[in-house]
């Protein structure tokens, strides 16, 4: 069985702004351990570091990402606004690949019930 997991990529634009791009990870059914039913598995860029984030609030000024990183939402929700004013909301189970490390960046606002919890996975260089 083949499937996909959609995610959002935040990228830098040529004019120094930021934008959303839709992308996907291909999933394939795999037996990962004896006695465990097959699961849908997909690969993300190999992580060189993982950070767990928990915060009662997460409202930011416009900022570029400090590094390229995957954001895996665990609890709560965030709303991200890119430089053209477009907004998207991300909640538990959503994946965001943040790559806008230059330019004006984006704004992130915590929404929903605090605390916000997420994993930040840093791809290896």
PDB file of N, CA and C in Angstrom:
ATOM      1  N   UNK A   1       0.840  -1.178   0.000  1.00  0.00           N
ATOM      2  CA  UNK A   1       0.000   0.000   0.000  1.00  0.00           C
ATOM      3  C   UNK A   1       0.891   1.250   0.000  1.00  0.00           C
ATOM      4  N   UNK A   2       0.624   2.173  -0.891  1.00  0.00           N
ATOM      5  CA  UNK A   2       1.349   3.442  -0.940  1.00  0.00           C
ATOM      6  C   UNK A   2       0.415   4.563  -0.544  1.00  0.00           C
ATOM      7  N   UNK A   3       0.957   5.541   0.143  1.00  0.00           N
ATOM      8  CA  UNK A   3       0.165   6.667   0.619  1.00  0.00           C
ATOM      9  C   UNK A   3       1.093   7.880   0.674  1.00  0.00           C
ATOM     10  N   UNK A   4       0.535   9.021   1.022  1.00  0.00           N
ATOM     11  CA  UNK A   4       1.352  10.224   1.167  1.00  0.00           C
ATOM     12  C   UNK A   4       0.966  10.951   2.449  1.00  0.00           C
ATOM     13  N   UNK A   5       1.885  11.736   2.962  1.00  0.00           N
ATOM     14  CA  UNK A   5       1.644  12.654   4.068  1.00  0.00           C
ATOM     15  C   UNK A   5       1.964  14.037   3.533  1.00  0.00           C
ATOM     16  N   UNK A   6       0.957  14.892   3.494  1.00  0.00           N
ATOM     17  CA  UNK A   6       1.171  16.262   3.025  1.00  0.00           C
ATOM     18  C   UNK A   6       1.819  17.097   4.113  1.00  0.00           C
ATOM     19  N   UNK A   7       2.621  18.065   3.690  1.00  0.00           N
ATOM     20  CA  UNK A   7       3.187  19.020   4.627  1.00  0.00           C
ATOM     21  C   UNK A   7       3.334  20.364   3.932  1.00  0.00           C
ATOM     22  N   UNK A   8       3.610  21.378   4.719  1.00  0.00           N
ATOM     23  CA  UNK A   8       3.812  22.729   4.205  1.00  0.00           C
ATOM     24  C   UNK A   8       5.281  23.096   4.346  1.00  0.00           C
ATOM     25  N   UNK A   9       5.806  23.731   3.319  1.00  0.00           N
ATOM     26  CA  UNK A   9       7.180  24.231   3.339  1.00  0.00           C
ATOM     27  C   UNK A   9       7.103  25.755   3.340  1.00  0.00           C
ATOM     28  N   UNK A  10       7.855  26.411   4.212  1.00  0.00           N
ATOM     29  CA  UNK A  10       7.954  27.873   4.226  1.00  0.00           C
ATOM     30  C   UNK A  10       9.297  28.210   3.600  1.00  0.00           C
ATOM     31  N   UNK A  11       9.257  28.988   2.511  1.00  0.00           N
ATOM     32  CA  UNK A  11      10.464  29.267   1.745  1.00  0.00           C
ATOM     33  C   UNK A  11      10.718  30.768   1.654  1.00  0.00           C
ATOM     34  N   UNK A  12      11.962  31.134   1.389  1.00  0.00           N
ATOM     35  CA  UNK A  12      12.317  32.517   1.095  1.00  0.00           C
ATOM     36  C   UNK A  12      11.977  32.792  -0.362  1.00  0.00           C
ATOM     37  N   UNK A  13      11.515  34.005  -0.646  1.00  0.00           N
ATOM     38  CA  UNK A  13      11.219  34.394  -2.012  1.00  0.00           C
ATOM     39  C   UNK A  13      12.322  35.309  -2.535  1.00  0.00           C
ATOM     40  N   UNK A  14      12.387  35.476  -3.844  1.00  0.00           N
ATOM     41  CA  UNK A  14      13.440  36.291  -4.458  1.00  0.00           C
ATOM     42  C   UNK A  14      13.399  37.749  -4.014  1.00  0.00           C
ATOM     43  N   UNK A  15      12.204  38.239  -3.611  1.00  0.00           N
ATOM     44  CA  UNK A  15      12.083  39.637  -3.191  1.00  0.00           C
ATOM     45  C   UNK A  15      12.402  39.837  -1.708  1.00  0.00           C
ATOM     46  N   UNK A  16      12.939  38.795  -1.051  1.00  0.00           N
ATOM     47  CA  UNK A  16      13.304  38.908   0.361  1.00  0.00           C
ATOM     48  C   UNK A  16      12.174  38.566   1.304  1.00  0.00           C
ATOM     49  N   UNK A  17      11.049  38.121   0.785  1.00  0.00           N
ATOM     50  CA  UNK A  17       9.904  37.741   1.608  1.00  0.00           C
ATOM     51  C   UNK A  17       9.891  36.248   1.884  1.00  0.00           C
ATOM     52  N   UNK A  18       8.703  35.748   2.187  1.00  0.00           N
ATOM     53  CA  UNK A  18       8.527  34.323   2.441  1.00  0.00           C
ATOM     54  C   UNK A  18       7.208  33.885   1.820  1.00  0.00           C
ATOM     55  N   UNK A  19       7.064  32.574   1.611  1.00  0.00           N
ATOM     56  CA  UNK A  19       5.850  32.035   1.002  1.00  0.00           C
ATOM     57  C   UNK A  19       5.654  30.597   1.460  1.00  0.00           C
ATOM     58  N   UNK A  20       4.411  30.102   1.298  1.00  0.00           N
ATOM     59  CA  UNK A  20       4.101  28.707   1.571  1.00  0.00           C
ATOM     60  C   UNK A  20       4.228  27.898   0.273  1.00  0.00           C
ATOM     61  N   UNK A  21       4.694  26.666   0.386  1.00  0.00           N
ATOM     62  CA  UNK A  21       4.649  25.699  -0.708  1.00  0.00           C
ATOM     63  C   UNK A  21       4.059  24.412  -0.145  1.00  0.00           C
ATOM     64  N   UNK A  22       3.215  23.748  -0.919  1.00  0.00           N
ATOM     65  CA  UNK A  22       2.676  22.449  -0.532  1.00  0.00           C
ATOM     66  C   UNK A  22       3.611  21.363  -1.032  1.00  0.00           C
ATOM     67  N   UNK A  23       3.850  20.353  -0.198  1.00  0.00           N
ATOM     68  CA  UNK A  23       4.748  19.258  -0.555  1.00  0.00           C
ATOM     69  C   UNK A  23       4.217  17.979   0.076  1.00  0.00           C
ATOM     70  N   UNK A  24       4.892  16.873  -0.185  1.00  0.00           N
ATOM     71  CA  UNK A  24       4.442  15.608   0.392  1.00  0.00           C
ATOM     72  C   UNK A  24       5.597  14.650   0.603  1.00  0.00           C
ATOM     73  N   UNK A  25       5.403  13.757   1.567  1.00  0.00           N
ATOM     74  CA  UNK A  25       6.323  12.665   1.845  1.00  0.00           C
ATOM     75  C   UNK A  25       5.626  11.400   1.381  1.00  0.00           C
ATOM     76  N   UNK A  26       6.317  10.603   0.571  1.00  0.00           N
ATOM     77  CA  UNK A  26       5.750   9.326   0.144  1.00  0.00           C
ATOM     78  C   UNK A  26       5.855   8.323   1.287  1.00  0.00           C
ATOM     79  N   UNK A  27       4.755   7.633   1.549  1.00  0.00           N
ATOM     80  CA  UNK A  27       4.704   6.614   2.601  1.00  0.00           C
ATOM     81  C   UNK A  27       4.561   5.244   1.952  1.00  0.00           C
ATOM     82  N   UNK A  28       5.181   4.252   2.541  1.00  0.00           N
ATOM     83  CA  UNK A  28       5.006   2.880   2.075  1.00  0.00           C
ATOM     84  C   UNK A  28       4.766   1.988   3.289  1.00  0.00           C
ATOM     85  N   UNK A  29       3.994   0.945   3.083  1.00  0.00           N
ATOM     86  CA  UNK A  29       3.689   0.024   4.179  1.00  0.00           C
ATOM     87  C   UNK A  29       4.915  -0.836   4.452  1.00  0.00           C
ATOM     88  N   UNK A  30       5.329  -0.850   5.726  1.00  0.00           N
ATOM     89  CA  UNK A  30       6.510  -1.620   6.112  1.00  0.00           C
ATOM     90  C   UNK A  30       6.263  -2.347   7.420  1.00  0.00           C
ATOM     91  N   UNK A  31       6.839  -3.505   7.537  1.00  0.00           N
ATOM     92  CA  UNK A  31       6.850  -4.260   8.794  1.00  0.00           C
ATOM     93  C   UNK A  31       8.072  -3.776   9.547  1.00  0.00           C
ATOM     94  N   UNK A  32       7.878  -3.033  10.647  1.00  0.00           N
ATOM     95  CA  UNK A  32       9.034  -2.439  11.332  1.00  0.00           C
ATOM     96  C   UNK A  32       9.574  -3.291  12.473  1.00  0.00           C
ATOM     97  N   UNK A  33       8.765  -4.235  12.958  1.00  0.00           N
ATOM     98  CA  UNK A  33       9.224  -5.138  14.018  1.00  0.00           C
ATOM     99  C   UNK A  33       8.328  -6.366  14.033  1.00  0.00           C
ATOM    100  N   UNK A  34       8.899  -7.491  14.405  1.00  0.00           N
ATOM    101  CA  UNK A  34       8.123  -8.725  14.495  1.00  0.00           C
ATOM    102  C   UNK A  34       6.997  -8.561  15.500  1.00  0.00           C
ATOM    103  N   UNK A  35       5.804  -9.022  15.152  1.00  0.00           N
ATOM    104  CA  UNK A  35       4.664  -8.948  16.053  1.00  0.00           C
ATOM    105  C   UNK A  35       3.932  -7.612  16.029  1.00  0.00           C
ATOM    106  N   UNK A  36       4.395  -6.675  15.201  1.00  0.00           N
ATOM    107  CA  UNK A  36       3.758  -5.365  15.080  1.00  0.00           C
ATOM    108  C   UNK A  36       3.129  -5.288  13.697  1.00  0.00           C
ATOM    109  N   UNK A  37       1.852  -4.867  13.605  1.00  0.00           N
ATOM    110  CA  UNK A  37       1.233  -4.774  12.281  1.00  0.00           C
ATOM    111  C   UNK A  37       2.011  -3.822  11.375  1.00  0.00           C
ATOM    112  N   UNK A  38       1.966  -4.050  10.045  1.00  0.00           N
ATOM    113  CA  UNK A  38       2.636  -3.135   9.121  1.00  0.00           C
ATOM    114  C   UNK A  38       2.147  -1.698   9.327  1.00  0.00           C
ATOM    115  N   UNK A  39       3.039  -0.732   9.110  1.00  0.00           N
ATOM    116  CA  UNK A  39       2.730   0.681   9.307  1.00  0.00           C
ATOM    117  C   UNK A  39       3.147   1.461   8.080  1.00  0.00           C
ATOM    118  N   UNK A  40       2.528   2.634   7.876  1.00  0.00           N
ATOM    119  CA  UNK A  40       2.936   3.534   6.799  1.00  0.00           C
ATOM    120  C   UNK A  40       4.155   4.311   7.276  1.00  0.00           C
ATOM    121  N   UNK A  41       5.247   4.238   6.506  1.00  0.00           N
ATOM    122  CA  UNK A  41       6.522   4.830   6.903  1.00  0.00           C
ATOM    123  C   UNK A  41       7.026   5.725   5.771  1.00  0.00           C
ATOM    124  N   UNK A  42       7.538   6.901   6.128  1.00  0.00           N
ATOM    125  CA  UNK A  42       8.134   7.818   5.160  1.00  0.00           C
ATOM    126  C   UNK A  42       9.379   8.428   5.744  1.00  0.00           C
ATOM    127  N   UNK A  43      10.271   8.894   4.898  1.00  0.00           N
ATOM    128  CA  UNK A  43      11.540   9.467   5.350  1.00  0.00           C
ATOM    129  C   UNK A  43      11.507  10.986   5.293  1.00  0.00           C
ATOM    130  N   UNK A  44      12.011  11.617   6.353  1.00  0.00           N
ATOM    131  CA  UNK A  44      12.281  13.044   6.380  1.00  0.00           C
ATOM    132  C   UNK A  44      13.798  13.169   6.278  1.00  0.00           C
ATOM    133  N   UNK A  45      14.301  14.349   5.947  1.00  0.00           N
ATOM    134  CA  UNK A  45      15.748  14.551   5.923  1.00  0.00           C
ATOM    135  C   UNK A  45      16.302  14.085   7.265  1.00  0.00           C
ATOM    136  N   UNK A  46      17.427  13.410   7.235  1.00  0.00           N
ATOM    137  CA  UNK A  46      18.030  12.922   8.475  1.00  0.00           C
ATOM    138  C   UNK A  46      18.286  14.073   9.430  1.00  0.00           C
ATOM    139  N   UNK A  47      17.918  13.869  10.662  1.00  0.00           N
ATOM    140  CA  UNK A  47      18.067  14.935  11.654  1.00  0.00           C
ATOM    141  C   UNK A  47      19.428  14.868  12.330  1.00  0.00           C
ATOM    142  N   UNK A  48      20.054  16.036  12.467  1.00  0.00           N
ATOM    143  CA  UNK A  48      21.309  16.096  13.217  1.00  0.00           C
ATOM    144  C   UNK A  48      21.050  16.574  14.636  1.00  0.00           C
ATOM    145  N   UNK A  49      19.829  16.987  14.900  1.00  0.00           N
ATOM    146  CA  UNK A  49      19.460  17.415  16.236  1.00  0.00           C
ATOM    147  C   UNK A  49      17.950  17.488  16.366  1.00  0.00           C
ATOM    148  N   UNK A  50      17.455  17.193  17.536  1.00  0.00           N
ATOM    149  CA  UNK A  50      16.021  17.256  17.809  1.00  0.00           C
ATOM    150  C   UNK A  50      15.832  18.101  19.061  1.00  0.00           C
ATOM    151  N   UNK A  51      14.899  19.054  18.978  1.00  0.00           N
ATOM    152  CA  UNK A  51      14.588  19.888  20.136  1.00  0.00           C
ATOM    153  C   UNK A  51      13.114  19.733  20.453  1.00  0.00           C
ATOM    154  N   UNK A  52      12.788  19.588  21.722  1.00  0.00           N
ATOM    155  CA  UNK A  52      11.409  19.573  22.187  1.00  0.00           C
ATOM    156  C   UNK A  52      11.091  20.978  22.681  1.00  0.00           C
ATOM    157  N   UNK A  53       9.971  21.532  22.231  1.00  0.00           N
ATOM    158  CA  UNK A  53       9.590  22.879  22.624  1.00  0.00           C
ATOM    159  C   UNK A  53       8.242  22.834  23.336  1.00  0.00           C
ATOM    160  N   UNK A  54       8.157  23.504  24.470  1.00  0.00           N
ATOM    161  CA  UNK A  54       6.891  23.653  25.189  1.00  0.00           C
ATOM    162  C   UNK A  54       6.808  25.100  25.653  1.00  0.00           C
ATOM    163  N   UNK A  55       5.697  25.751  25.316  1.00  0.00           N
ATOM    164  CA  UNK A  55       5.575  27.168  25.642  1.00  0.00           C
ATOM    165  C   UNK A  55       4.117  27.529  25.856  1.00  0.00           C
ATOM    166  N   UNK A  56       3.870  28.358  26.861  1.00  0.00           N
ATOM    167  CA  UNK A  56       2.510  28.835  27.114  1.00  0.00           C
ATOM    168  C   UNK A  56       2.100  29.875  26.080  1.00  0.00           C
ATOM    169  N   UNK A  57       3.091  30.539  25.475  1.00  0.00           N
ATOM    170  CA  UNK A  57       2.794  31.509  24.422  1.00  0.00           C
ATOM    171  C   UNK A  57       3.929  31.483  23.413  1.00  0.00           C
ATOM    172  N   UNK A  58       3.591  31.846  22.192  1.00  0.00           N
ATOM    173  CA  UNK A  58       4.600  31.782  21.137  1.00  0.00           C
ATOM    174  C   UNK A  58       4.261  32.809  20.073  1.00  0.00           C
ATOM    175  N   UNK A  59       4.087  34.043  20.471  1.00  0.00           N
ATOM    176  CA  UNK A  59       3.775  35.106  19.521  1.00  0.00           C
ATOM    177  C   UNK A  59       5.074  35.795  19.154  1.00  0.00           C
ATOM    178  N   UNK A  60       5.321  35.926  17.854  1.00  0.00           N
ATOM    179  CA  UNK A  60       6.606  36.460  17.429  1.00  0.00           C
ATOM    180  C   UNK A  60       6.452  37.691  16.547  1.00  0.00           C
ATOM    181  N   UNK A  61       7.522  38.418  16.447  1.00  0.00           N
ATOM    182  CA  UNK A  61       7.686  39.472  15.452  1.00  0.00           C
ATOM    183  C   UNK A  61       8.101  38.762  14.156  1.00  0.00           C
ATOM    184  N   UNK A  62       8.062  39.454  13.004  1.00  0.00           N
ATOM    185  CA  UNK A  62       8.574  38.826  11.781  1.00  0.00           C
ATOM    186  C   UNK A  62      10.034  38.412  11.980  1.00  0.00           C
ATOM    187  N   UNK A  63      10.349  37.187  11.572  1.00  0.00           N
ATOM    188  CA  UNK A  63      11.707  36.673  11.749  1.00  0.00           C
ATOM    189  C   UNK A  63      11.995  35.574  10.735  1.00  0.00           C
ATOM    190  N   UNK A  64      13.226  35.501  10.238  1.00  0.00           N
ATOM    191  CA  UNK A  64      13.604  34.333   9.444  1.00  0.00           C
ATOM    192  C   UNK A  64      13.894  33.181  10.404  1.00  0.00           C
ATOM    193  N   UNK A  65      13.790  31.966   9.907  1.00  0.00           N
ATOM    194  CA  UNK A  65      14.115  30.800  10.730  1.00  0.00           C
ATOM    195  C   UNK A  65      15.603  30.821  11.071  1.00  0.00           C
ATOM    196  N   UNK A  66      15.983  30.394  12.283  1.00  0.00           N
ATOM    197  CA  UNK A  66      17.399  30.395  12.658  1.00  0.00           C
ATOM    198  C   UNK A  66      18.210  29.356  11.888  1.00  0.00           C
ATOM    199  N   UNK A  67      17.506  28.363  11.333  1.00  0.00           N
ATOM    200  CA  UNK A  67      18.134  27.280  10.563  1.00  0.00           C
ATOM    201  C   UNK A  67      17.006  26.565   9.826  1.00  0.00           C
ATOM    202  N   UNK A  68      17.312  25.801   8.800  1.00  0.00           N
ATOM    203  CA  UNK A  68      16.289  24.946   8.205  1.00  0.00           C
ATOM    204  C   UNK A  68      15.895  23.924   9.264  1.00  0.00           C
ATOM    205  N   UNK A  69      14.579  23.702   9.412  1.00  0.00           N
ATOM    206  CA  UNK A  69      14.137  22.750  10.421  1.00  0.00           C
ATOM    207  C   UNK A  69      12.727  22.263  10.124  1.00  0.00           C
ATOM    208  N   UNK A  70      12.480  21.022  10.478  1.00  0.00           N
ATOM    209  CA  UNK A  70      11.140  20.460  10.464  1.00  0.00           C
ATOM    210  C   UNK A  70      10.470  20.844  11.770  1.00  0.00           C
ATOM    211  N   UNK A  71       9.204  21.216  11.726  1.00  0.00           N
ATOM    212  CA  UNK A  71       8.410  21.438  12.927  1.00  0.00           C
ATOM    213  C   UNK A  71       7.304  20.391  12.908  1.00  0.00           C
ATOM    214  N   UNK A  72       7.273  19.570  13.938  1.00  0.00           N
ATOM    215  CA  UNK A  72       6.252  18.533  14.084  1.00  0.00           C
ATOM    216  C   UNK A  72       5.363  18.946  15.244  1.00  0.00           C
ATOM    217  N   UNK A  73       4.137  19.329  14.939  1.00  0.00           N
ATOM    218  CA  UNK A  73       3.210  19.798  15.971  1.00  0.00           C
ATOM    219  C   UNK A  73       2.693  18.614  16.792  1.00  0.00           C
ATOM    220  N   UNK A  74       2.798  18.748  18.106  1.00  0.00           N
ATOM    221  CA  UNK A  74       2.337  17.706  19.013  1.00  0.00           C
ATOM    222  C   UNK A  74       1.058  18.105  19.756  1.00  0.00           C
ATOM    223  N   UNK A  75       1.007  19.351  20.233  1.00  0.00           N
ATOM    224  CA  UNK A  75      -0.120  19.813  21.040  1.00  0.00           C
ATOM    225  C   UNK A  75      -0.314  21.307  20.795  1.00  0.00           C
ATOM    226  N   UNK A  76      -1.556  21.758  20.874  1.00  0.00           N
ATOM    227  CA  UNK A  76      -1.843  23.162  20.630  1.00  0.00           C
ATOM    228  C   UNK A  76      -1.835  23.438  19.142  1.00  0.00           C
ATOM    229  N   UNK A  77      -1.806  24.689  18.783  1.00  0.00           N
ATOM    230  CA  UNK A  77      -1.795  25.068  17.369  1.00  0.00           C
ATOM    231  C   UNK A  77      -1.046  26.383  17.212  1.00  0.00           C
ATOM    232  N   UNK A  78      -0.522  26.570  16.011  1.00  0.00           N
ATOM    233  CA  UNK A  78       0.122  27.831  15.649  1.00  0.00           C
ATOM    234  C   UNK A  78      -0.495  28.324  14.357  1.00  0.00           C
ATOM    235  N   UNK A  79      -0.445  29.625  14.178  1.00  0.00           N
ATOM    236  CA  UNK A  79      -0.818  30.225  12.910  1.00  0.00           C
ATOM    237  C   UNK A  79       0.427  30.942  12.406  1.00  0.00           C
ATOM    238  N   UNK A  80       0.806  30.648  11.163  1.00  0.00           N
ATOM    239  CA  UNK A  80       1.985  31.256  10.568  1.00  0.00           C
ATOM    240  C   UNK A  80       1.533  32.167   9.444  1.00  0.00           C
ATOM    241  N   UNK A  81       2.110  33.375   9.419  1.00  0.00           N
ATOM    242  CA  UNK A  81       1.831  34.330   8.358  1.00  0.00           C
ATOM    243  C   UNK A  81       3.121  34.603   7.607  1.00  0.00           C
ATOM    244  N   UNK A  82       3.080  34.425   6.270  1.00  0.00           N
ATOM    245  CA  UNK A  82       4.242  34.741   5.441  1.00  0.00           C
ATOM    246  C   UNK A  82       4.128  36.178   4.950  1.00  0.00           C
ATOM    247  N   UNK A  83       5.147  36.656   4.267  1.00  0.00           N
ATOM    248  CA  UNK A  83       5.250  38.091   3.986  1.00  0.00           C
ATOM    249  C   UNK A  83       4.163  38.648   3.070  1.00  0.00           C
ATOM    250  N   UNK A  84       3.483  37.804   2.275  1.00  0.00           N
ATOM    251  CA  UNK A  84       2.398  38.332   1.437  1.00  0.00           C
ATOM    252  C   UNK A  84       1.067  38.407   2.180  1.00  0.00           C
ATOM    253  N   UNK A  85       1.085  38.077   3.486  1.00  0.00           N
ATOM    254  CA  UNK A  85      -0.124  38.157   4.307  1.00  0.00           C
ATOM    255  C   UNK A  85      -0.897  36.852   4.405  1.00  0.00           C
ATOM    256  N   UNK A  86      -0.520  35.839   3.622  1.00  0.00           N
ATOM    257  CA  UNK A  86      -1.196  34.542   3.676  1.00  0.00           C
ATOM    258  C   UNK A  86      -0.920  33.874   5.018  1.00  0.00           C
ATOM    259  N   UNK A  87      -1.963  33.270   5.586  1.00  0.00           N
ATOM    260  CA  UNK A  87      -1.835  32.589   6.881  1.00  0.00           C
ATOM    261  C   UNK A  87      -2.249  31.132   6.750  1.00  0.00           C
ATOM    262  N   UNK A  88      -1.599  30.280   7.521  1.00  0.00           N
ATOM    263  CA  UNK A  88      -2.009  28.876   7.648  1.00  0.00           C
ATOM    264  C   UNK A  88      -1.923  28.486   9.111  1.00  0.00           C
ATOM    265  N   UNK A  89      -2.838  27.607   9.494  1.00  0.00           N
ATOM    266  CA  UNK A  89      -2.884  27.108  10.870  1.00  0.00           C
ATOM    267  C   UNK A  89      -2.386  25.667  10.876  1.00  0.00           C
ATOM    268  N   UNK A  90      -1.570  25.340  11.887  1.00  0.00           N
ATOM    269  CA  UNK A  90      -1.006  24.006  12.019  1.00  0.00           C
ATOM    270  C   UNK A  90      -1.287  23.479  13.420  1.00  0.00           C
ATOM    271  N   UNK A  91      -1.747  22.236  13.501  1.00  0.00           N
ATOM    272  CA  UNK A  91      -2.067  21.616  14.778  1.00  0.00           C
ATOM    273  C   UNK A  91      -1.429  20.247  14.886  1.00  0.00           C
ATOM    274  N   UNK A  92      -1.802  19.484  15.916  1.00  0.00           N
ATOM    275  CA  UNK A  92      -1.204  18.175  16.167  1.00  0.00           C
ATOM    276  C   UNK A  92      -1.192  17.287  14.922  1.00  0.00           C
ATOM    277  N   UNK A  93      -0.011  16.747  14.638  1.00  0.00           N
ATOM    278  CA  UNK A  93       0.156  15.866  13.493  1.00  0.00           C
ATOM    279  C   UNK A  93       0.611  16.574  12.234  1.00  0.00           C
ATOM    280  N   UNK A  94       0.564  17.902  12.210  1.00  0.00           N
ATOM    281  CA  UNK A  94       0.996  18.636  11.019  1.00  0.00           C
ATOM    282  C   UNK A  94       2.516  18.730  10.973  1.00  0.00           C
ATOM    283  N   UNK A  95       3.040  18.725   9.744  1.00  0.00           N
ATOM    284  CA  UNK A  95       4.466  18.876   9.487  1.00  0.00           C
ATOM    285  C   UNK A  95       4.688  20.174   8.738  1.00  0.00           C
ATOM    286  N   UNK A  96       5.709  20.920   9.143  1.00  0.00           N
ATOM    287  CA  UNK A  96       6.090  22.152   8.460  1.00  0.00           C
ATOM    288  C   UNK A  96       7.606  22.106   8.279  1.00  0.00           C
ATOM    289  N   UNK A  97       8.073  22.326   7.050  1.00  0.00           N
ATOM    290  CA  UNK A  97       9.513  22.389   6.796  1.00  0.00           C
ATOM    291  C   UNK A  97       9.858  23.854   6.576  1.00  0.00           C
ATOM    292  N   UNK A  98      10.551  24.454   7.532  1.00  0.00           N
ATOM    293  CA  UNK A  98      10.842  25.877   7.523  1.00  0.00           C
ATOM    294  C   UNK A  98      12.230  26.086   6.910  1.00  0.00           C
ATOM    295  N   UNK A  99      12.272  26.829   5.788  1.00  0.00           N
ATOM    296  CA  UNK A  99      13.550  27.043   5.093  1.00  0.00           C
ATOM    297  C   UNK A  99      13.829  28.515   4.826  1.00  0.00           C
ATOM    298  N   UNK A 100      12.964  29.416   5.308  1.00  0.00           N
ATOM    299  CA  UNK A 100      13.165  30.855   5.043  1.00  0.00           C
ATOM    300  C   UNK A 100      14.160  31.446   6.039  1.00  0.00           C
ATOM    301  N   UNK A 101      15.431  31.123   5.821  1.00  0.00           N
ATOM    302  CA  UNK A 101      16.487  31.528   6.758  1.00  0.00           C
ATOM    303  C   UNK A 101      17.075  32.902   6.444  1.00  0.00           C
ATOM    304  N   UNK A 102      16.582  33.544   5.395  1.00  0.00           N
ATOM    305  CA  UNK A 102      17.030  34.887   5.032  1.00  0.00           C
ATOM    306  C   UNK A 102      15.809  35.751   4.757  1.00  0.00           C
ATOM    307  N   UNK A 103      16.014  37.039   4.681  1.00  0.00           N
ATOM    308  CA  UNK A 103      14.926  37.949   4.324  1.00  0.00           C
ATOM    309  C   UNK A 103      14.046  38.307   5.503  1.00  0.00           C
ATOM    310  N   UNK A 104      12.815  38.720   5.197  1.00  0.00           N
ATOM    311  CA  UNK A 104      11.871  39.198   6.216  1.00  0.00           C
ATOM    312  C   UNK A 104      11.364  38.097   7.124  1.00  0.00           C
ATOM    313  N   UNK A 105      11.311  36.868   6.623  1.00  0.00           N
ATOM    314  CA  UNK A 105      10.842  35.755   7.435  1.00  0.00           C
ATOM    315  C   UNK A 105       9.337  35.688   7.528  1.00  0.00           C
ATOM    316  N   UNK A 106       8.857  35.168   8.637  1.00  0.00           N
ATOM    317  CA  UNK A 106       7.444  34.912   8.862  1.00  0.00           C
ATOM    318  C   UNK A 106       7.083  35.278  10.300  1.00  0.00           C
ATOM    319  N   UNK A 107       5.795  35.281  10.603  1.00  0.00           N
ATOM    320  CA  UNK A 107       5.294  35.547  11.953  1.00  0.00           C
ATOM    321  C   UNK A 107       4.598  34.281  12.439  1.00  0.00           C
ATOM    322  N   UNK A 108       4.846  33.888  13.677  1.00  0.00           N
ATOM    323  CA  UNK A 108       4.209  32.716  14.270  1.00  0.00           C
ATOM    324  C   UNK A 108       3.435  33.144  15.508  1.00  0.00           C
ATOM    325  N   UNK A 109       2.178  32.711  15.592  1.00  0.00           N
ATOM    326  CA  UNK A 109       1.315  33.036  16.734  1.00  0.00           C
ATOM    327  C   UNK A 109       0.719  31.738  17.268  1.00  0.00           C
ATOM    328  N   UNK A 110       0.805  31.534  18.566  1.00  0.00           N
ATOM    329  CA  UNK A 110       0.163  30.372  19.186  1.00  0.00           C
ATOM    330  C   UNK A 110      -1.340  30.608  19.232  1.00  0.00           C
ATOM    331  N   UNK A 111      -2.099  29.583  18.891  1.00  0.00           N
ATOM    332  CA  UNK A 111      -3.558  29.644  18.971  1.00  0.00           C
ATOM    333  C   UNK A 111      -4.027  28.405  19.712  1.00  0.00           C
ATOM    334  N   UNK A 112      -5.248  28.416  20.135  1.00  0.00           N
ATOM    335  CA  UNK A 112      -5.767  27.253  20.837  1.00  0.00           C
ATOM    336  C   UNK A 112      -5.347  27.233  22.291  1.00  0.00           C
ATOM    337  N   UNK A 113      -5.557  26.101  22.896  1.00  0.00           N
ATOM    338  CA  UNK A 113      -5.320  25.900  24.325  1.00  0.00           C
ATOM    339  C   UNK A 113      -3.835  25.693  24.604  1.00  0.00           C
ATOM    340  N   UNK A 114      -3.219  26.520  25.493  1.00  0.00           N
ATOM    341  CA  UNK A 114      -1.815  26.303  25.833  1.00  0.00           C
ATOM    342  C   UNK A 114      -1.675  25.054  26.719  1.00  0.00           C
ATOM    343  N   UNK A 115      -0.499  24.492  26.806  1.00  0.00           N
ATOM    344  CA  UNK A 115       0.728  24.937  26.173  1.00  0.00           C
ATOM    345  C   UNK A 115       0.864  24.377  24.751  1.00  0.00           C
ATOM    346  N   UNK A 116       1.694  25.044  23.984  1.00  0.00           N
ATOM    347  CA  UNK A 116       2.088  24.583  22.665  1.00  0.00           C
ATOM    348  C   UNK A 116       3.231  23.594  22.867  1.00  0.00           C
ATOM    349  N   UNK A 117       3.174  22.460  22.165  1.00  0.00           N
ATOM    350  CA  UNK A 117       4.271  21.498  22.212  1.00  0.00           C
ATOM    351  C   UNK A 117       4.604  21.086  20.784  1.00  0.00           C
ATOM    352  N   UNK A 118       5.889  21.073  20.473  1.00  0.00           N
ATOM    353  CA  UNK A 118       6.335  20.699  19.130  1.00  0.00           C
ATOM    354  C   UNK A 118       7.735  20.109  19.198  1.00  0.00           C
ATOM    355  N   UNK A 119       8.073  19.344  18.182  1.00  0.00           N
ATOM    356  CA  UNK A 119       9.435  18.879  18.001  1.00  0.00           C
ATOM    357  C   UNK A 119      10.041  19.655  16.852  1.00  0.00           C
ATOM    358  N   UNK A 120      11.261  20.120  17.017  1.00  0.00           N
ATOM    359  CA  UNK A 120      12.011  20.774  15.945  1.00  0.00           C
ATOM    360  C   UNK A 120      13.130  19.799  15.566  1.00  0.00           C
ATOM    361  N   UNK A 121      13.153  19.357  14.319  1.00  0.00           N
ATOM    362  CA  UNK A 121      14.165  18.431  13.825  1.00  0.00           C
ATOM    363  C   UNK A 121      15.037  19.168  12.825  1.00  0.00           C
ATOM    364  N   UNK A 122      16.331  19.173  13.090  1.00  0.00           N
ATOM    365  CA  UNK A 122      17.282  19.897  12.259  1.00  0.00           C
ATOM    366  C   UNK A 122      17.933  18.905  11.291  1.00  0.00           C
ATOM    367  N   UNK A 123      17.716  19.093   9.966  1.00  0.00           N
ATOM    368  CA  UNK A 123      18.363  18.184   9.006  1.00  0.00           C
ATOM    369  C   UNK A 123      19.879  18.290   9.093  1.00  0.00           C
ATOM    370  N   UNK A 124      20.567  17.176   8.824  1.00  0.00           N
ATOM    371  CA  UNK A 124      22.027  17.240   8.830  1.00  0.00           C
ATOM    372  C   UNK A 124      22.512  18.022   7.615  1.00  0.00           C
ATOM    373  N   UNK A 125      23.618  18.693   7.809  1.00  0.00           N
ATOM    374  CA  UNK A 125      24.181  19.550   6.754  1.00  0.00           C
ATOM    375  C   UNK A 125      24.796  18.756   5.647  1.00  0.00           C
TER     376      UNK A 125
END
